[in-house]
C-alpha atoms as a PDB file:
ATOM      1  CA  MET A   1      69.617 106.969  72.501  1.00  0.00           C
ATOM      2  CA  LYS A   2      72.273 107.528  75.001  1.00  0.00           C
ATOM      3  CA  LYS A   3      74.251 104.698  76.230  1.00  0.00           C
ATOM      4  CA  GLU A   4      74.609 104.817  79.937  1.00  0.00           C
ATOM      5  CA  LYS A   5      77.783 103.827  81.591  1.00  0.00           C
ATOM      6  CA  THR A   6      77.356 100.788  83.638  1.00  0.00           C
ATOM      7  CA  ASN A   7      79.659  98.942  85.877  1.00  0.00           C
ATOM      8  CA  PRO A   8      81.613  96.435  83.925  1.00  0.00           C
ATOM      9  CA  GLU A   9      80.657  92.958  84.650  1.00  0.00           C
ATOM     10  CA  THR A  10      83.449  90.968  83.140  1.00  0.00           C
ATOM     11  CA  PRO A  11      87.167  91.185  83.868  1.00  0.00           C
ATOM     12  CA  ASP A  12      87.890  91.788  80.155  1.00  0.00           C
ATOM     13  CA  GLU A  13      85.702  94.851  80.172  1.00  0.00           C
ATOM     14  CA  VAL A  14      87.528  96.139  83.261  1.00  0.00           C
ATOM     15  CA  LYS A  15      90.902  95.661  81.565  1.00  0.00           C
ATOM     16  CA  THR A  16      89.760  97.405  78.390  1.00  0.00           C
ATOM     17  CA  GLU A  17      88.446 100.365  80.321  1.00  0.00           C
ATOM     18  CA  ALA A  18      91.669 100.587  82.371  1.00  0.00           C
ATOM     19  CA  LYS A  19      93.748 100.509  79.179  1.00  0.00           C
ATOM     20  CA  ALA A  20      91.651 103.316  77.675  1.00  0.00           C
ATOM     21  CA  GLU A  21      92.170 105.424  80.780  1.00  0.00           C
ATOM     22  CA  GLU A  22      95.894 104.670  80.694  1.00  0.00           C
ATOM     23  CA  LYS A  23      96.123 105.732  77.039  1.00  0.00           C
ATOM     24  CA  THR A  24      94.311 108.977  77.820  1.00  0.00           C
ATOM     25  CA  LYS A  25      96.674 109.726  80.718  1.00  0.00           C
ATOM     26  CA  SER A  26      99.667 108.778  78.565  1.00  0.00           C
ATOM     27  CA  LYS A  27      98.506 111.158  75.822  1.00  0.00           C
ATOM     28  CA  GLU A  28      98.034 113.918  78.372  1.00  0.00           C
ATOM     29  CA  LYS A  29     101.547 113.281  79.715  1.00  0.00           C
ATOM     30  CA  LYS A  30     102.992 113.262  76.198  1.00  0.00           C
ATOM     31  CA  SER A  31     101.229 116.459  75.205  1.00  0.00           C
ATOM     32  CA  GLY A  32     102.277 117.992  78.524  1.00  0.00           C
ATOM     33  CA  GLY A  33     105.835 116.832  77.901  1.00  0.00           C
ATOM     34  CA  GLU A  34     105.760 118.196  74.366  1.00  0.00           C
ATOM     35  CA  ALA A  35     104.432 121.503  75.624  1.00  0.00           C
ATOM     36  CA  GLU A  36     107.242 121.666  78.158  1.00  0.00           C
ATOM     37  CA  LYS A  37     109.784 120.897  75.444  1.00  0.00           C
ATOM     38  CA  LEU A  38     108.296 123.549  73.170  1.00  0.00           C
ATOM     39  CA  GLN A  39     108.227 126.090  75.985  1.00  0.00           C
ATOM     40  CA  LYS A  40     111.849 125.290  76.805  1.00  0.00           C
ATOM     41  CA  ALA A  41     112.870 125.705  73.141  1.00  0.00           C
ATOM     42  CA  LEU A  42     110.939 128.987  72.972  1.00  0.00           C
ATOM     43  CA  ASP A  43     112.677 130.227  76.126  1.00  0.00           C
ATOM     44  CA  GLU A  44     116.084 129.313  74.656  1.00  0.00           C
ATOM     45  CA  LYS A  45     115.335 131.145  71.405  1.00  0.00           C
ATOM     46  CA  ASN A  46     114.042 134.131  73.347  1.00  0.00           C
ATOM     47  CA  GLU A  47     117.258 134.182  75.393  1.00  0.00           C
ATOM     48  CA  GLN A  48     119.339 133.973  72.196  1.00  0.00           C
ATOM     49  CA  PHE A  49     117.358 136.864  70.722  1.00  0.00           C
ATOM     50  CA  LEU A  50     117.832 139.003  73.826  1.00  0.00           C
ATOM     51  CA  ARG A  51     121.580 138.297  73.834  1.00  0.00           C
ATOM     52  CA  LEU A  52     121.801 139.178  70.143  1.00  0.00           C
ATOM     53  CA  CYS A  53     119.979 142.462  70.821  1.00  0.00           C
ATOM     54  CA  ALA A  54     122.355 143.239  73.679  1.00  0.00           C
ATOM     55  CA  GLU A  55     125.394 142.401  71.525  1.00  0.00           C
ATOM     56  CA  TYR A  56     124.123 144.667  68.747  1.00  0.00           C
ATOM     57  CA  ASP A  57     123.482 147.496  71.196  1.00  0.00           C
ATOM     58  CA  ASN A  58     127.012 147.120  72.597  1.00  0.00           C
ATOM     59  CA  PHE A  59     128.430 147.061  69.055  1.00  0.00           C
ATOM     60  CA  ARG A  60     126.495 150.228  68.156  1.00  0.00           C
ATOM     61  CA  LYS A  61     127.690 152.047  71.278  1.00  0.00           C
ATOM     62  CA  ARG A  62     131.288 150.890  70.753  1.00  0.00           C
ATOM     63  CA  SER A  63     131.233 151.985  67.094  1.00  0.00           C
ATOM     64  CA  GLN A  64     129.829 155.373  68.045  1.00  0.00           C
ATOM     65  CA  LYS A  65     132.528 155.835  70.690  1.00  0.00           C
ATOM     66  CA  GLU A  66     135.272 154.785  68.242  1.00  0.00           C
ATOM     67  CA  LYS A  67     133.936 157.267  65.693  1.00  0.00           C
ATOM     68  CA  GLN A  68     133.913 160.050  68.275  1.00  0.00           C
ATOM     69  CA  ASP A  69     137.433 159.121  69.400  1.00  0.00           C
ATOM     70  CA  ALA A  70     138.699 159.111  65.807  1.00  0.00           C
ATOM     71  CA  TYR A  71     137.181 162.564  65.266  1.00  0.00           C
ATOM     72  CA  SER A  72     138.737 163.910  68.475  1.00  0.00           C
ATOM     73  CA  ASN A  73     142.117 162.374  67.663  1.00  0.00           C
ATOM     74  CA  SER A  74     142.153 163.810  64.144  1.00  0.00           C
ATOM     75  CA  LYS A  75     141.298 167.279  65.484  1.00  0.00           C
ATOM     76  CA  ALA A  76     144.087 166.980  68.052  1.00  0.00           C
ATOM     77  CA  ASP A  77     146.545 165.909  65.340  1.00  0.00           C
ATOM     78  CA  VAL A  78     145.696 168.939  63.174  1.00  0.00           C
ATOM     79  CA  VAL A  79     146.003 171.321  66.128  1.00  0.00           C
ATOM     80  CA  LYS A  80     149.330 169.718  67.069  1.00  0.00           C
ATOM     81  CA  ASP A  81     150.603 170.350  63.506  1.00  0.00           C
ATOM     82  CA  LEU A  82     149.462 173.994  63.668  1.00  0.00           C
ATOM     83  CA  LEU A  83     151.023 174.831  67.031  1.00  0.00           C
ATOM     84  CA  PRO A  84     154.541 175.487  65.621  1.00  0.00           C
ATOM     85  CA  VAL A  85     153.006 177.986  63.175  1.00  0.00           C
ATOM     86  CA  ILE A  86     151.279 179.758  66.053  1.00  0.00           C
ATOM     87  CA  ASP A  87     154.547 179.783  68.014  1.00  0.00           C
ATOM     88  CA  ASN A  88     156.375 181.340  65.065  1.00  0.00           C
ATOM     89  CA  PHE A  89     153.702 184.009  64.639  1.00  0.00           C
ATOM     90  CA  GLY A  90     154.092 184.818  68.339  1.00  0.00           C
ATOM     91  CA  ARG A  91     157.853 185.157  67.996  1.00  0.00           C
ATOM     92  CA  ALA A  92     157.455 187.359  64.897  1.00  0.00           C
ATOM     93  CA  ALA A  93     154.988 189.607  66.734  1.00  0.00           C
ATOM     94  CA  GLU A  94     157.332 189.977  69.720  1.00  0.00           C
ATOM     95  CA  ASN A  95     160.314 190.903  67.527  1.00  0.00           C
ATOM     96  CA  THR A  96     160.259 194.687  67.568  1.00  0.00           C
ATOM     97  CA  ASP A  97     163.983 195.167  66.887  1.00  0.00           C
ATOM     98  CA  GLY A  98     164.106 193.597  63.400  1.00  0.00           C
ATOM     99  CA  SER A  99     163.995 195.459  60.116  1.00  0.00           C
ATOM    100  CA  PHE A 100     160.989 195.440  57.819  1.00  0.00           C
ATOM    101  CA  GLU A 101     162.792 193.036  55.441  1.00  0.00           C
ATOM    102  CA  ASP A 102     163.530 190.609  58.289  1.00  0.00           C
ATOM    103  CA  TYR A 103     159.909 190.810  59.414  1.00  0.00           C
ATOM    104  CA  ARG A 104     158.676 190.227  55.855  1.00  0.00           C
ATOM    105  CA  LYS A 105     161.029 187.269  55.381  1.00  0.00           C
ATOM    106  CA  GLY A 106     159.834 185.753  58.701  1.00  0.00           C
ATOM    107  CA  ILE A 107     156.175 186.074  57.676  1.00  0.00           C
ATOM    108  CA  GLU A 108     156.949 184.378  54.322  1.00  0.00           C
ATOM    109  CA  LEU A 109     158.683 181.518  56.149  1.00  0.00           C
ATOM    110  CA  ILE A 110     155.703 181.101  58.486  1.00  0.00           C
ATOM    111  CA  PHE A 111     153.304 181.193  55.517  1.00  0.00           C
ATOM    112  CA  ASN A 112     155.328 178.475  53.749  1.00  0.00           C
ATOM    113  CA  GLN A 113     155.386 176.423  56.947  1.00  0.00           C
ATOM    114  CA  PHE A 114     151.610 176.705  57.103  1.00  0.00           C
ATOM    115  CA  LEU A 115     151.243 175.680  53.426  1.00  0.00           C
ATOM    116  CA  ASP A 116     153.456 172.645  54.058  1.00  0.00           C
ATOM    117  CA  ILE A 117     151.139 171.540  56.868  1.00  0.00           C
ATOM    118  CA  ILE A 118     148.100 171.988  54.629  1.00  0.00           C
ATOM    119  CA  LYS A 119     149.759 169.923  51.860  1.00  0.00           C
ATOM    120  CA  LYS A 120     150.725 167.248  54.382  1.00  0.00           C
ATOM    121  CA  LEU A 121     147.055 166.995  55.354  1.00  0.00           C
ATOM    122  CA  GLY A 122     146.142 166.459  51.698  1.00  0.00           C
ATOM    123  CA  VAL A 123     144.484 169.847  51.186  1.00  0.00           C
ATOM    124  CA  GLU A 124     144.970 171.288  47.720  1.00  0.00           C
ATOM    125  CA  ALA A 125     144.440 174.923  46.686  1.00  0.00           C
ATOM    126  CA  TYR A 126     142.736 175.671  43.366  1.00  0.00           C
ATOM    127  CA  GLY A 127     141.367 178.614  41.427  1.00  0.00           C
ATOM    128  CA  GLU A 128     143.884 180.523  39.319  1.00  0.00           C
ATOM    129  CA  ARG A 129     143.470 183.268  36.763  1.00  0.00           C
ATOM    130  CA  GLY A 130     143.027 181.669  33.335  1.00  0.00           C
ATOM    131  CA  ASP A 131     141.434 178.448  34.652  1.00  0.00           C
ATOM    132  CA  GLU A 132     138.101 177.415  33.175  1.00  0.00           C
ATOM    133  CA  PHE A 133     135.117 178.366  35.339  1.00  0.00           C
ATOM    134  CA  ASP A 134     133.291 175.399  36.901  1.00  0.00           C
ATOM    135  CA  PRO A 135     130.142 176.316  38.877  1.00  0.00           C
ATOM    136  CA  ASN A 136     130.545 173.146  40.964  1.00  0.00           C
ATOM    137  CA  ILE A 137     133.803 174.332  42.535  1.00  0.00           C
ATOM    138  CA  HIS A 138     133.852 178.105  41.863  1.00  0.00           C
ATOM    139  CA  ASN A 139     131.588 180.830  43.159  1.00  0.00           C
ATOM    140  CA  ALA A 140     131.292 183.602  40.551  1.00  0.00           C
ATOM    141  CA  VAL A 141     130.516 186.941  42.193  1.00  0.00           C
ATOM    142  CA  MET A 142     131.298 189.169  39.193  1.00  0.00           C
ATOM    143  CA  THR A 143     131.576 189.000  35.429  1.00  0.00           C
ATOM    144  CA  VAL A 144     133.634 191.039  33.018  1.00  0.00           C
ATOM    145  CA  GLU A 145     134.056 191.305  29.250  1.00  0.00           C
ATOM    146  CA  ASP A 146     137.716 190.674  28.404  1.00  0.00           C
ATOM    147  CA  GLU A 147     138.932 190.073  24.858  1.00  0.00           C
ATOM    148  CA  GLU A 148     142.217 188.574  26.072  1.00  0.00           C
ATOM    149  CA  LEU A 149     140.449 185.743  27.915  1.00  0.00           C
ATOM    150  CA  GLY A 150     138.173 183.098  26.443  1.00  0.00           C
ATOM    151  CA  GLU A 151     134.581 182.347  27.326  1.00  0.00           C
ATOM    152  CA  ASN A 152     133.891 181.181  30.926  1.00  0.00           C
ATOM    153  CA  VAL A 153     137.480 181.757  32.024  1.00  0.00           C
ATOM    154  CA  ILE A 154     138.456 183.019  35.464  1.00  0.00           C
ATOM    155  CA  ALA A 155     139.574 186.645  35.145  1.00  0.00           C
ATOM    156  CA  GLU A 156     140.344 187.270  38.822  1.00  0.00           C
ATOM    157  CA  VAL A 157     140.497 185.226  42.019  1.00  0.00           C
ATOM    158  CA  PHE A 158     139.209 186.919  45.170  1.00  0.00           C
ATOM    159  CA  THR A 159     139.547 183.885  47.437  1.00  0.00           C
ATOM    160  CA  LYS A 160     141.299 180.618  46.582  1.00  0.00           C
ATOM    161  CA  GLY A 161     139.365 177.404  46.848  1.00  0.00           C
ATOM    162  CA  TYR A 162     140.527 174.358  48.771  1.00  0.00           C
ATOM    163  CA  ARG A 163     139.696 170.692  48.388  1.00  0.00           C
ATOM    164  CA  LEU A 164     140.534 167.602  50.355  1.00  0.00           C
ATOM    165  CA  GLY A 165     140.559 164.741  47.861  1.00  0.00           C
ATOM    166  CA  ASP A 166     137.207 164.949  46.056  1.00  0.00           C
ATOM    167  CA  LYS A 167     135.559 167.011  48.811  1.00  0.00           C
ATOM    168  CA  ILE A 168     135.407 170.784  48.346  1.00  0.00           C
ATOM    169  CA  VAL A 169     136.393 172.414  51.638  1.00  0.00           C
ATOM    170  CA  ARG A 170     135.809 175.948  50.325  1.00  0.00           C
ATOM    171  CA  GLU A 171     134.766 177.149  46.880  1.00  0.00           C
ATOM    172  CA  ALA A 172     136.998 179.644  45.068  1.00  0.00           C
ATOM    173  CA  VAL A 173     135.416 183.093  44.836  1.00  0.00           C
ATOM    174  CA  VAL A 174     136.139 184.454  41.342  1.00  0.00           C
ATOM    175  CA  LYS A 175     135.352 186.971  38.627  1.00  0.00           C
ATOM    176  CA  VAL A 176     134.440 185.272  35.328  1.00  0.00           C
ATOM    177  CA  ALA A 177     135.160 186.638  31.884  1.00  0.00           C
ATOM    178  CA  ASN A 178     132.844 186.577  28.866  1.00  0.00           C
ATOM    179  CA  THR A 179     129.879 184.639  30.222  1.00  0.00           C
END
């Protein structure tokens, strides 16, 4: 059976009912207050997350720009080092009054100047006749039987190889003996 709500008859019953209503309202206020606090904390964390994302995006863009600038600056530095060589080639080409020996000596000086720049940049030439053939750094385009040379030895160098530290810039193109 259902108990029907009746009007309270005694003052104690009125007080008890009022207290129950107060507790219910207090709980609603507390849960509403807790929800507001939780929402506020969530909003703060969301703001922190968005700022972190923005900071990361700025960092990524800045790093990419720095990388591009470093690449451009290194290219400019290499070109700047090569400009005197180009100037000297221009002067040698314009010199029509010199003898063949003077011209030859000038070209040798320019070539040595160019090699000095390459060495300064850390580029090293490799691939000499008599060196052992290494397929990782040499490109064999021909083979030959030669009793004077050992097995897998470079018999002839068509194009020298160049490396920058451990990185191969260009493989040496060679003829290999006794493969």
